[in-house]
Amino acid sequence: MRETTCYFATWAAAYVERLQNGDRRPIQTLAHHPPVRFRGQRRLSVNTVRGIIAEARDRELLSSPPAGKAGGELTGKAIGLLDT
């Protein structure tokens, strides 16, 4: 379970990093440059990445975005997982 949660925390951190770097389309960027590869795939679908980010939010690793916009911050739970 911890490994799976760390996986989603890694994606959440990559998403937040893209936002902090001014990326206005972080989902699309991560679809083309995923922080974690699936069986050697270089790209993922935008819908897959949206699902991963949504799951990170459901697991309370990423805060909610402003209505209708990309956004959110890593939660203390995510930071704790990534710091270990």
Protein backbone atom coordinates (compact mmCIF):
# COMPACT_ATOMS: atom_id res chain seq x y z
CA MET A 1 0.00 0.00 0.00
CA ARG A 2 2.80 2.44 0.88
CA GLU A 3 4.49 1.81 -2.49
CA THR A 4 1.27 2.61 -4.32
CA THR A 5 0.77 5.78 -2.30
CA CYS A 6 4.37 6.84 -2.98
CA TYR A 7 3.67 6.34 -6.69
CA PHE A 8 0.78 8.81 -6.56
CA ALA A 9 2.81 11.21 -4.41
CA THR A 10 5.52 11.21 -7.09
CA TRP A 11 2.96 12.16 -9.72
CA ALA A 12 1.48 14.84 -7.46
CA ALA A 13 4.94 16.32 -6.90
CA ALA A 14 5.65 16.37 -10.64
CA TYR A 15 2.30 18.07 -11.25
CA VAL A 16 2.98 20.76 -8.63
CA GLU A 17 6.48 21.30 -10.00
CA ARG A 18 5.08 21.88 -13.49
CA LEU A 19 2.62 24.42 -12.07
CA GLN A 20 5.36 26.21 -10.12
CA ASN A 21 7.41 26.43 -13.32
CA GLY A 22 4.55 28.27 -15.00
CA ASP A 23 3.19 25.38 -17.04
CA ARG A 24 -0.42 26.21 -17.90
CA ARG A 25 -1.08 22.67 -19.18
CA PRO A 26 0.62 20.38 -16.65
CA ILE A 27 -1.54 17.35 -17.47
CA GLN A 28 -0.55 17.45 -21.12
CA THR A 29 3.10 17.98 -20.24
CA LEU A 30 3.10 15.00 -17.88
CA ALA A 31 1.38 12.87 -20.51
CA HIS A 32 4.33 13.51 -22.81
CA HIS A 33 7.00 13.42 -20.09
CA PRO A 34 5.76 11.15 -17.28
CA PRO A 35 7.75 11.08 -14.03
CA VAL A 36 7.09 7.33 -13.81
CA ARG A 37 7.14 5.07 -16.85
CA PHE A 38 4.64 2.31 -17.55
CA ARG A 39 6.40 -0.71 -19.02
CA GLY A 40 8.72 1.49 -21.03
CA GLN A 41 5.97 3.69 -22.52
CA ARG A 42 7.24 7.13 -23.34
CA ARG A 43 3.84 8.81 -23.44
CA LEU A 44 0.51 8.37 -21.73
CA SER A 45 -2.95 9.57 -22.64
CA VAL A 46 -4.15 12.81 -21.13
CA ASN A 47 -7.07 10.91 -19.59
CA THR A 48 -4.70 8.49 -17.86
CA VAL A 49 -2.75 11.35 -16.33
CA ARG A 50 -5.98 13.09 -15.27
CA GLY A 51 -6.99 9.88 -13.53
CA ILE A 52 -3.65 9.62 -11.74
CA ILE A 53 -3.86 13.21 -10.50
CA ALA A 54 -7.48 12.69 -9.42
CA GLU A 55 -6.43 9.60 -7.46
CA ALA A 56 -3.62 11.61 -5.82
CA ARG A 57 -6.26 14.12 -4.69
CA ASP A 58 -8.53 11.30 -3.45
CA ARG A 59 -5.62 9.95 -1.42
CA GLU A 60 -5.15 13.43 0.09
CA LEU A 61 -1.72 13.91 -1.45
CA LEU A 62 -2.69 16.98 -3.44
CA SER A 63 -4.98 19.81 -2.39
CA SER A 64 -7.99 20.89 -4.41
CA PRO A 65 -7.45 23.33 -7.28
CA PRO A 66 -9.27 26.62 -7.73
CA ALA A 67 -12.61 26.06 -9.48
CA GLY A 68 -12.10 25.36 -13.17
CA LYS A 69 -8.31 25.78 -13.10
CA ALA A 70 -5.19 23.68 -12.75
CA GLY A 71 -3.71 23.93 -9.30
CA GLY A 72 -3.20 22.48 -5.88
CA GLU A 73 -0.35 21.98 -3.48
CA LEU A 74 1.31 18.93 -2.01
CA THR A 75 -0.16 18.02 1.34
CA GLY A 76 1.85 17.20 4.45
CA LYS A 77 1.04 13.54 3.83
CA ALA A 78 2.65 13.65 0.38
CA ILE A 79 5.67 15.57 1.63
CA GLY A 80 6.16 13.04 4.41
CA LEU A 81 6.08 10.16 1.93
CA LEU A 82 8.51 11.81 -0.45
CA ASP A 83 10.95 12.77 2.31
CA THR A 84 11.47 9.16 3.40
